[in-house]
C-alpha atoms as a PDB file:
ATOM      1  CA  UNK A   1       0.000   0.000   0.000  1.00  0.00           C
ATOM      2  CA  UNK A   2       1.156   3.555  -0.710  1.00  0.00           C
ATOM      3  CA  UNK A   3       2.855   4.870   2.454  1.00  0.00           C
ATOM      4  CA  UNK A   4       0.882   8.125   2.533  1.00  0.00           C
ATOM      5  CA  UNK A   5      -2.435   6.313   2.153  1.00  0.00           C
ATOM      6  CA  UNK A   6      -1.396   3.867   4.860  1.00  0.00           C
ATOM      7  CA  UNK A   7      -0.698   6.780   7.241  1.00  0.00           C
ATOM      8  CA  UNK A   8      -4.080   8.327   6.417  1.00  0.00           C
ATOM      9  CA  UNK A   9      -6.019   5.089   6.935  1.00  0.00           C
ATOM     10  CA  UNK A  10      -4.265   4.331  10.214  1.00  0.00           C
ATOM     11  CA  UNK A  11      -4.521   7.799  11.765  1.00  0.00           C
ATOM     12  CA  UNK A  12      -5.791   7.921  15.323  1.00  0.00           C
ATOM     13  CA  UNK A  13      -5.957  10.449  18.138  1.00  0.00           C
ATOM     14  CA  UNK A  14      -3.518  10.271  21.045  1.00  0.00           C
ATOM     15  CA  UNK A  15      -4.128  11.991  24.376  1.00  0.00           C
ATOM     16  CA  UNK A  16      -1.252  10.655  26.478  1.00  0.00           C
ATOM     17  CA  UNK A  17       2.206  11.996  25.738  1.00  0.00           C
ATOM     18  CA  UNK A  18       5.725  11.700  27.135  1.00  0.00           C
ATOM     19  CA  UNK A  19       6.091  14.965  29.070  1.00  0.00           C
ATOM     20  CA  UNK A  20       9.887  14.785  28.778  1.00  0.00           C
ATOM     21  CA  UNK A  21       9.971  14.379  25.013  1.00  0.00           C
ATOM     22  CA  UNK A  22      10.907  17.470  23.022  1.00  0.00           C
ATOM     23  CA  UNK A  23      10.424  17.562  19.280  1.00  0.00           C
ATOM     24  CA  UNK A  24      13.298  19.108  17.370  1.00  0.00           C
ATOM     25  CA  UNK A  25      13.183  22.505  15.701  1.00  0.00           C
ATOM     26  CA  UNK A  26      13.491  20.703  12.375  1.00  0.00           C
ATOM     27  CA  UNK A  27      10.460  18.511  13.103  1.00  0.00           C
ATOM     28  CA  UNK A  28       8.364  21.468  14.200  1.00  0.00           C
ATOM     29  CA  UNK A  29       9.374  23.438  11.109  1.00  0.00           C
ATOM     30  CA  UNK A  30       8.505  20.483   8.875  1.00  0.00           C
ATOM     31  CA  UNK A  31       5.017  20.293  10.432  1.00  0.00           C
ATOM     32  CA  UNK A  32       4.460  24.030  10.006  1.00  0.00           C
ATOM     33  CA  UNK A  33       5.749  23.973   6.429  1.00  0.00           C
ATOM     34  CA  UNK A  34       3.385  21.111   5.585  1.00  0.00           C
ATOM     35  CA  UNK A  35       0.456  22.978   7.144  1.00  0.00           C
ATOM     36  CA  UNK A  36       1.192  26.111   5.118  1.00  0.00           C
ATOM     37  CA  UNK A  37       1.169  24.177   1.847  1.00  0.00           C
ATOM     38  CA  UNK A  38      -2.446  23.072   2.333  1.00  0.00           C
ATOM     39  CA  UNK A  39      -4.987  23.957  -0.399  1.00  0.00           C
ATOM     40  CA  UNK A  40      -6.539  27.391  -0.034  1.00  0.00           C
ATOM     41  CA  UNK A  41      -9.385  29.087  -1.911  1.00  0.00           C
ATOM     42  CA  UNK A  42      -7.869  31.629  -4.339  1.00  0.00           C
ATOM     43  CA  UNK A  43      -4.622  31.169  -2.365  1.00  0.00           C
ATOM     44  CA  UNK A  44      -6.151  33.450   0.260  1.00  0.00           C
ATOM     45  CA  UNK A  45      -4.633  31.526   3.202  1.00  0.00           C
ATOM     46  CA  UNK A  46      -7.234  32.912   5.601  1.00  0.00           C
ATOM     47  CA  UNK A  47      -5.690  31.468   8.770  1.00  0.00           C
ATOM     48  CA  UNK A  48      -2.789  31.834  11.182  1.00  0.00           C
ATOM     49  CA  UNK A  49      -1.094  29.297  13.443  1.00  0.00           C
ATOM     50  CA  UNK A  50       0.104  30.188  16.926  1.00  0.00           C
ATOM     51  CA  UNK A  51       2.797  27.909  18.331  1.00  0.00           C
ATOM     52  CA  UNK A  52       2.320  27.795  22.091  1.00  0.00           C
ATOM     53  CA  UNK A  53       5.592  27.014  23.815  1.00  0.00           C
ATOM     54  CA  UNK A  54       5.265  28.997  27.058  1.00  0.00           C
ATOM     55  CA  UNK A  55       4.234  26.695  29.895  1.00  0.00           C
ATOM     56  CA  UNK A  56       2.092  29.381  31.534  1.00  0.00           C
ATOM     57  CA  UNK A  57      -0.036  29.907  28.428  1.00  0.00           C
ATOM     58  CA  UNK A  58      -0.665  26.212  27.982  1.00  0.00           C
ATOM     59  CA  UNK A  59      -1.515  25.718  31.652  1.00  0.00           C
ATOM     60  CA  UNK A  60      -4.045  28.532  31.383  1.00  0.00           C
ATOM     61  CA  UNK A  61      -5.688  26.715  28.471  1.00  0.00           C
ATOM     62  CA  UNK A  62      -5.877  23.556  30.585  1.00  0.00           C
ATOM     63  CA  UNK A  63      -7.633  25.523  33.316  1.00  0.00           C
ATOM     64  CA  UNK A  64     -10.283  26.415  30.760  1.00  0.00           C
ATOM     65  CA  UNK A  65     -10.212  22.905  29.261  1.00  0.00           C
ATOM     66  CA  UNK A  66      -9.643  20.594  32.257  1.00  0.00           C
ATOM     67  CA  UNK A  67     -10.687  17.578  30.223  1.00  0.00           C
ATOM     68  CA  UNK A  68      -7.657  18.075  27.966  1.00  0.00           C
ATOM     69  CA  UNK A  69      -4.545  18.017  30.197  1.00  0.00           C
ATOM     70  CA  UNK A  70      -2.477  16.971  27.179  1.00  0.00           C
ATOM     71  CA  UNK A  71      -2.526  20.630  26.075  1.00  0.00           C
ATOM     72  CA  UNK A  72       0.186  21.232  28.686  1.00  0.00           C
ATOM     73  CA  UNK A  73       1.774  17.774  28.663  1.00  0.00           C
ATOM     74  CA  UNK A  74       2.370  17.455  24.909  1.00  0.00           C
ATOM     75  CA  UNK A  75       5.623  18.560  23.289  1.00  0.00           C
ATOM     76  CA  UNK A  76       3.986  21.486  21.523  1.00  0.00           C
ATOM     77  CA  UNK A  77       0.498  22.913  21.136  1.00  0.00           C
ATOM     78  CA  UNK A  78      -0.693  24.714  18.011  1.00  0.00           C
ATOM     79  CA  UNK A  79      -3.698  27.021  17.868  1.00  0.00           C
ATOM     80  CA  UNK A  80      -5.316  27.459  14.457  1.00  0.00           C
ATOM     81  CA  UNK A  81      -6.906  30.849  13.930  1.00  0.00           C
ATOM     82  CA  UNK A  82      -9.385  31.948  11.291  1.00  0.00           C
ATOM     83  CA  UNK A  83      -7.634  35.084  10.096  1.00  0.00           C
ATOM     84  CA  UNK A  84      -9.453  37.789   8.149  1.00  0.00           C
ATOM     85  CA  UNK A  85      -7.373  40.557   9.724  1.00  0.00           C
ATOM     86  CA  UNK A  86      -4.796  40.174   6.964  1.00  0.00           C
ATOM     87  CA  UNK A  87      -7.351  40.917   4.252  1.00  0.00           C
ATOM     88  CA  UNK A  88      -8.580  43.878   6.289  1.00  0.00           C
ATOM     89  CA  UNK A  89      -5.054  45.252   6.030  1.00  0.00           C
ATOM     90  CA  UNK A  90      -5.178  44.642   2.277  1.00  0.00           C
ATOM     91  CA  UNK A  91      -8.511  46.453   1.954  1.00  0.00           C
ATOM     92  CA  UNK A  92      -7.195  49.399   3.954  1.00  0.00           C
ATOM     93  CA  UNK A  93      -4.080  49.595   1.799  1.00  0.00           C
ATOM     94  CA  UNK A  94      -6.195  49.557  -1.375  1.00  0.00           C
ATOM     95  CA  UNK A  95      -8.745  51.961   0.140  1.00  0.00           C
ATOM     96  CA  UNK A  96     -11.662  49.611  -0.511  1.00  0.00           C
ATOM     97  CA  UNK A  97     -14.696  48.738   1.605  1.00  0.00           C
ATOM     98  CA  UNK A  98     -14.620  45.701   3.902  1.00  0.00           C
ATOM     99  CA  UNK A  99     -18.271  44.664   4.521  1.00  0.00           C
ATOM    100  CA  UNK A 100     -17.144  41.321   5.863  1.00  0.00           C
ATOM    101  CA  UNK A 101     -19.895  41.029   8.476  1.00  0.00           C
ATOM    102  CA  UNK A 102     -22.708  40.981   5.910  1.00  0.00           C
ATOM    103  CA  UNK A 103     -22.289  37.318   4.949  1.00  0.00           C
ATOM    104  CA  UNK A 104     -21.180  34.069   6.562  1.00  0.00           C
ATOM    105  CA  UNK A 105     -19.091  33.270   3.459  1.00  0.00           C
ATOM    106  CA  UNK A 106     -15.818  34.794   4.762  1.00  0.00           C
ATOM    107  CA  UNK A 107     -16.150  32.800   7.989  1.00  0.00           C
ATOM    108  CA  UNK A 108     -16.616  29.607   5.961  1.00  0.00           C
ATOM    109  CA  UNK A 109     -13.566  30.451   3.863  1.00  0.00           C
ATOM    110  CA  UNK A 110     -11.380  31.040   6.919  1.00  0.00           C
ATOM    111  CA  UNK A 111     -12.657  27.936   8.710  1.00  0.00           C
ATOM    112  CA  UNK A 112     -12.101  25.748   5.657  1.00  0.00           C
ATOM    113  CA  UNK A 113      -8.580  27.052   5.062  1.00  0.00           C
ATOM    114  CA  UNK A 114      -7.662  26.552   8.717  1.00  0.00           C
ATOM    115  CA  UNK A 115      -9.106  23.020   8.707  1.00  0.00           C
ATOM    116  CA  UNK A 116      -7.115  22.083   5.604  1.00  0.00           C
ATOM    117  CA  UNK A 117      -3.922  23.423   7.190  1.00  0.00           C
ATOM    118  CA  UNK A 118      -4.737  21.486  10.368  1.00  0.00           C
ATOM    119  CA  UNK A 119      -5.138  18.215   8.485  1.00  0.00           C
ATOM    120  CA  UNK A 120      -1.827  18.715   6.699  1.00  0.00           C
ATOM    121  CA  UNK A 121      -0.206  19.241  10.095  1.00  0.00           C
ATOM    122  CA  UNK A 122      -1.835  16.084  11.493  1.00  0.00           C
ATOM    123  CA  UNK A 123      -0.520  13.941   8.642  1.00  0.00           C
ATOM    124  CA  UNK A 124       2.942  15.510   8.870  1.00  0.00           C
ATOM    125  CA  UNK A 125       2.989  14.636  12.583  1.00  0.00           C
ATOM    126  CA  UNK A 126       2.065  11.005  11.844  1.00  0.00           C
ATOM    127  CA  UNK A 127       4.750  10.764   9.136  1.00  0.00           C
ATOM    128  CA  UNK A 128       7.378  11.758  11.721  1.00  0.00           C
ATOM    129  CA  UNK A 129       6.353   8.908  14.007  1.00  0.00           C
ATOM    130  CA  UNK A 130       4.652  11.252  16.457  1.00  0.00           C
ATOM    131  CA  UNK A 131       1.035  11.542  17.569  1.00  0.00           C
ATOM    132  CA  UNK A 132      -1.536  14.292  17.908  1.00  0.00           C
ATOM    133  CA  UNK A 133      -5.085  15.103  18.911  1.00  0.00           C
ATOM    134  CA  UNK A 134      -7.301  17.907  17.628  1.00  0.00           C
ATOM    135  CA  UNK A 135      -8.889  20.080  20.336  1.00  0.00           C
ATOM    136  CA  UNK A 136     -12.121  21.712  19.218  1.00  0.00           C
ATOM    137  CA  UNK A 137     -13.236  22.621  22.721  1.00  0.00           C
ATOM    138  CA  UNK A 138     -11.066  25.735  22.751  1.00  0.00           C
ATOM    139  CA  UNK A 139     -13.989  27.460  20.998  1.00  0.00           C
ATOM    140  CA  UNK A 140     -15.884  27.300  24.291  1.00  0.00           C
ATOM    141  CA  UNK A 141     -13.446  29.902  25.608  1.00  0.00           C
ATOM    142  CA  UNK A 142     -12.831  31.746  22.362  1.00  0.00           C
ATOM    143  CA  UNK A 143     -13.199  35.198  23.889  1.00  0.00           C
ATOM    144  CA  UNK A 144     -10.765  34.488  26.716  1.00  0.00           C
ATOM    145  CA  UNK A 145      -8.275  32.848  24.342  1.00  0.00           C
ATOM    146  CA  UNK A 146      -8.512  35.804  21.970  1.00  0.00           C
ATOM    147  CA  UNK A 147      -7.527  38.091  24.826  1.00  0.00           C
ATOM    148  CA  UNK A 148      -4.810  35.749  26.109  1.00  0.00           C
ATOM    149  CA  UNK A 149      -3.162  35.503  22.685  1.00  0.00           C
ATOM    150  CA  UNK A 150      -3.707  39.147  21.720  1.00  0.00           C
ATOM    151  CA  UNK A 151      -5.792  38.276  18.672  1.00  0.00           C
ATOM    152  CA  UNK A 152      -6.716  41.339  16.602  1.00  0.00           C
ATOM    153  CA  UNK A 153     -10.144  42.097  15.192  1.00  0.00           C
ATOM    154  CA  UNK A 154     -11.310  39.903  12.317  1.00  0.00           C
ATOM    155  CA  UNK A 155      -9.676  36.774  13.774  1.00  0.00           C
ATOM    156  CA  UNK A 156     -11.158  33.902  15.794  1.00  0.00           C
ATOM    157  CA  UNK A 157      -9.705  30.734  17.389  1.00  0.00           C
ATOM    158  CA  UNK A 158     -10.968  27.527  15.814  1.00  0.00           C
ATOM    159  CA  UNK A 159      -9.104  24.504  17.129  1.00  0.00           C
ATOM    160  CA  UNK A 160      -5.884  23.395  18.738  1.00  0.00           C
ATOM    161  CA  UNK A 161      -3.491  20.524  18.070  1.00  0.00           C
ATOM    162  CA  UNK A 162      -1.509  18.722  20.764  1.00  0.00           C
ATOM    163  CA  UNK A 163       1.627  17.084  19.350  1.00  0.00           C
ATOM    164  CA  UNK A 164       4.009  14.720  21.077  1.00  0.00           C
ATOM    165  CA  UNK A 165       5.369  11.222  21.580  1.00  0.00           C
ATOM    166  CA  UNK A 166       2.471   8.915  22.550  1.00  0.00           C
ATOM    167  CA  UNK A 167       2.824   6.803  25.675  1.00  0.00           C
ATOM    168  CA  UNK A 168      -0.416   4.842  25.244  1.00  0.00           C
ATOM    169  CA  UNK A 169      -1.181   2.925  22.056  1.00  0.00           C
ATOM    170  CA  UNK A 170      -4.617   3.649  20.595  1.00  0.00           C
ATOM    171  CA  UNK A 171      -6.811   1.485  18.408  1.00  0.00           C
ATOM    172  CA  UNK A 172      -8.082   2.758  15.072  1.00  0.00           C
ATOM    173  CA  UNK A 173     -11.599   4.043  15.703  1.00  0.00           C
ATOM    174  CA  UNK A 174     -14.307   2.558  13.454  1.00  0.00           C
ATOM    175  CA  UNK A 175     -16.022   5.006  11.120  1.00  0.00           C
ATOM    176  CA  UNK A 176     -19.632   5.191   9.971  1.00  0.00           C
ATOM    177  CA  UNK A 177     -20.657   2.593   7.374  1.00  0.00           C
ATOM    178  CA  UNK A 178     -19.550   3.705   3.916  1.00  0.00           C
ATOM    179  CA  UNK A 179     -23.088   4.009   2.437  1.00  0.00           C
ATOM    180  CA  UNK A 180     -23.964   6.652   5.045  1.00  0.00           C
ATOM    181  CA  UNK A 181     -21.076   8.866   3.956  1.00  0.00           C
ATOM    182  CA  UNK A 182     -20.087   8.077   0.359  1.00  0.00           C
ATOM    183  CA  UNK A 183     -22.529   8.789  -2.485  1.00  0.00           C
ATOM    184  CA  UNK A 184     -22.085   8.531  -6.236  1.00  0.00           C
ATOM    185  CA  UNK A 185     -23.528  11.154  -8.597  1.00  0.00           C
ATOM    186  CA  UNK A 186     -26.396  12.074  -6.236  1.00  0.00           C
ATOM    187  CA  UNK A 187     -27.143  11.935  -2.520  1.00  0.00           C
ATOM    188  CA  UNK A 188     -28.688   8.531  -1.893  1.00  0.00           C
ATOM    189  CA  UNK A 189     -30.972   7.636   0.984  1.00  0.00           C
ATOM    190  CA  UNK A 190     -30.038   4.803   3.318  1.00  0.00           C
ATOM    191  CA  UNK A 191     -31.730   2.834   6.060  1.00  0.00           C
ATOM    192  CA  UNK A 192     -31.460   4.117   9.631  1.00  0.00           C
ATOM    193  CA  UNK A 193     -30.507   0.574  10.609  1.00  0.00           C
ATOM    194  CA  UNK A 194     -26.997   1.399   9.380  1.00  0.00           C
ATOM    195  CA  UNK A 195     -26.701   4.004  12.131  1.00  0.00           C
ATOM    196  CA  UNK A 196     -28.076   1.531  14.659  1.00  0.00           C
ATOM    197  CA  UNK A 197     -25.445  -0.954  13.502  1.00  0.00           C
ATOM    198  CA  UNK A 198     -22.777   1.708  14.020  1.00  0.00           C
ATOM    199  CA  UNK A 199     -24.036   2.223  17.582  1.00  0.00           C
ATOM    200  CA  UNK A 200     -23.345  -1.452  18.187  1.00  0.00           C
ATOM    201  CA  UNK A 201     -19.922  -1.274  16.533  1.00  0.00           C
ATOM    202  CA  UNK A 202     -18.897   1.651  18.727  1.00  0.00           C
ATOM    203  CA  UNK A 203     -20.266  -0.049  21.825  1.00  0.00           C
ATOM    204  CA  UNK A 204     -18.129  -3.078  21.040  1.00  0.00           C
ATOM    205  CA  UNK A 205     -15.140  -0.806  20.398  1.00  0.00           C
ATOM    206  CA  UNK A 206     -15.558   0.267  24.006  1.00  0.00           C
ATOM    207  CA  UNK A 207     -13.877   3.663  24.114  1.00  0.00           C
ATOM    208  CA  UNK A 208     -13.872   4.623  27.799  1.00  0.00           C
ATOM    209  CA  UNK A 209     -14.533   8.324  27.168  1.00  0.00           C
ATOM    210  CA  UNK A 210     -17.790   7.535  25.334  1.00  0.00           C
ATOM    211  CA  UNK A 211     -20.665   7.259  27.808  1.00  0.00           C
ATOM    212  CA  UNK A 212     -23.568   7.245  25.327  1.00  0.00           C
ATOM    213  CA  UNK A 213     -24.421   5.485  22.069  1.00  0.00           C
ATOM    214  CA  UNK A 214     -23.185   7.479  19.051  1.00  0.00           C
ATOM    215  CA  UNK A 215     -26.683   8.451  17.927  1.00  0.00           C
ATOM    216  CA  UNK A 216     -27.793   9.472  21.428  1.00  0.00           C
ATOM    217  CA  UNK A 217     -24.714  11.654  21.867  1.00  0.00           C
ATOM    218  CA  UNK A 218     -25.584  13.737  18.823  1.00  0.00           C
ATOM    219  CA  UNK A 219     -29.322  13.709  19.415  1.00  0.00           C
ATOM    220  CA  UNK A 220     -28.579  15.275  22.799  1.00  0.00           C
ATOM    221  CA  UNK A 221     -25.993  17.695  21.397  1.00  0.00           C
ATOM    222  CA  UNK A 222     -28.177  19.094  18.627  1.00  0.00           C
ATOM    223  CA  UNK A 223     -31.301  18.910  20.779  1.00  0.00           C
ATOM    224  CA  UNK A 224     -29.883  21.449  23.211  1.00  0.00           C
ATOM    225  CA  UNK A 225     -30.292  25.167  22.599  1.00  0.00           C
ATOM    226  CA  UNK A 226     -26.979  26.592  21.307  1.00  0.00           C
ATOM    227  CA  UNK A 227     -24.969  28.658  23.771  1.00  0.00           C
ATOM    228  CA  UNK A 228     -24.253  31.338  21.106  1.00  0.00           C
ATOM    229  CA  UNK A 229     -20.714  31.770  22.489  1.00  0.00           C
ATOM    230  CA  UNK A 230     -19.168  31.537  19.031  1.00  0.00           C
ATOM    231  CA  UNK A 231     -21.718  33.983  17.622  1.00  0.00           C
ATOM    232  CA  UNK A 232     -20.892  36.453  20.391  1.00  0.00           C
ATOM    233  CA  UNK A 233     -17.155  36.095  19.771  1.00  0.00           C
ATOM    234  CA  UNK A 234     -17.601  36.688  16.037  1.00  0.00           C
ATOM    235  CA  UNK A 235     -19.637  39.788  16.796  1.00  0.00           C
ATOM    236  CA  UNK A 236     -16.910  41.087  19.129  1.00  0.00           C
ATOM    237  CA  UNK A 237     -14.316  40.447  16.443  1.00  0.00           C
ATOM    238  CA  UNK A 238     -16.422  42.378  13.884  1.00  0.00           C
ATOM    239  CA  UNK A 239     -17.037  39.266  11.789  1.00  0.00           C
ATOM    240  CA  UNK A 240     -20.775  38.951  12.395  1.00  0.00           C
ATOM    241  CA  UNK A 241     -23.513  41.529  12.870  1.00  0.00           C
END
């Protein structure tokens, strides 16, 4: 099998890292270089990456995210930022309007670009024999993180990435049945029994951090009124009216 495809198919999340392991400057630079070469709409590159090395900053993030102690215990922690401040600078330089808060499109562009850069970083980490885990929960404290990291207007934190040398081996997590995700030519309906089967597969997989069946977890998540924290942050950052 092609080595890159093998890495992609065997990717897994690691949450336990050797606290004494330090990745080299060359390894870190390779990860960052790979991230920056990710696809980007119109080559806009609407994101920034903050490399958190200071212990105090990472420990503060753990205080806000106590369920993710690996943020401080990993070798390095990256924060991926949706960055539309750069294009604000461009608009100012060209003396053009910047009505960025009138549509959700710019937010989608920045989020997509950041996600593509994140995935490139994840695969680069795996290729170096290291491990990582994506941290989406930083959005719950987006306002505080924006202040902590001195983020300018028109930027917003999206997700973090803990990188290090794993100390606990993880199994490859089963994914949804292919017919529920892959469609040819047109979206095709499928029986709900496939989701019920996936509930059973995940139950048998027995991940300790999962306390509910897959379907119940998301029924509960989307059945709860949104907190609007992200909306409020985007409004503060002048990205949403």
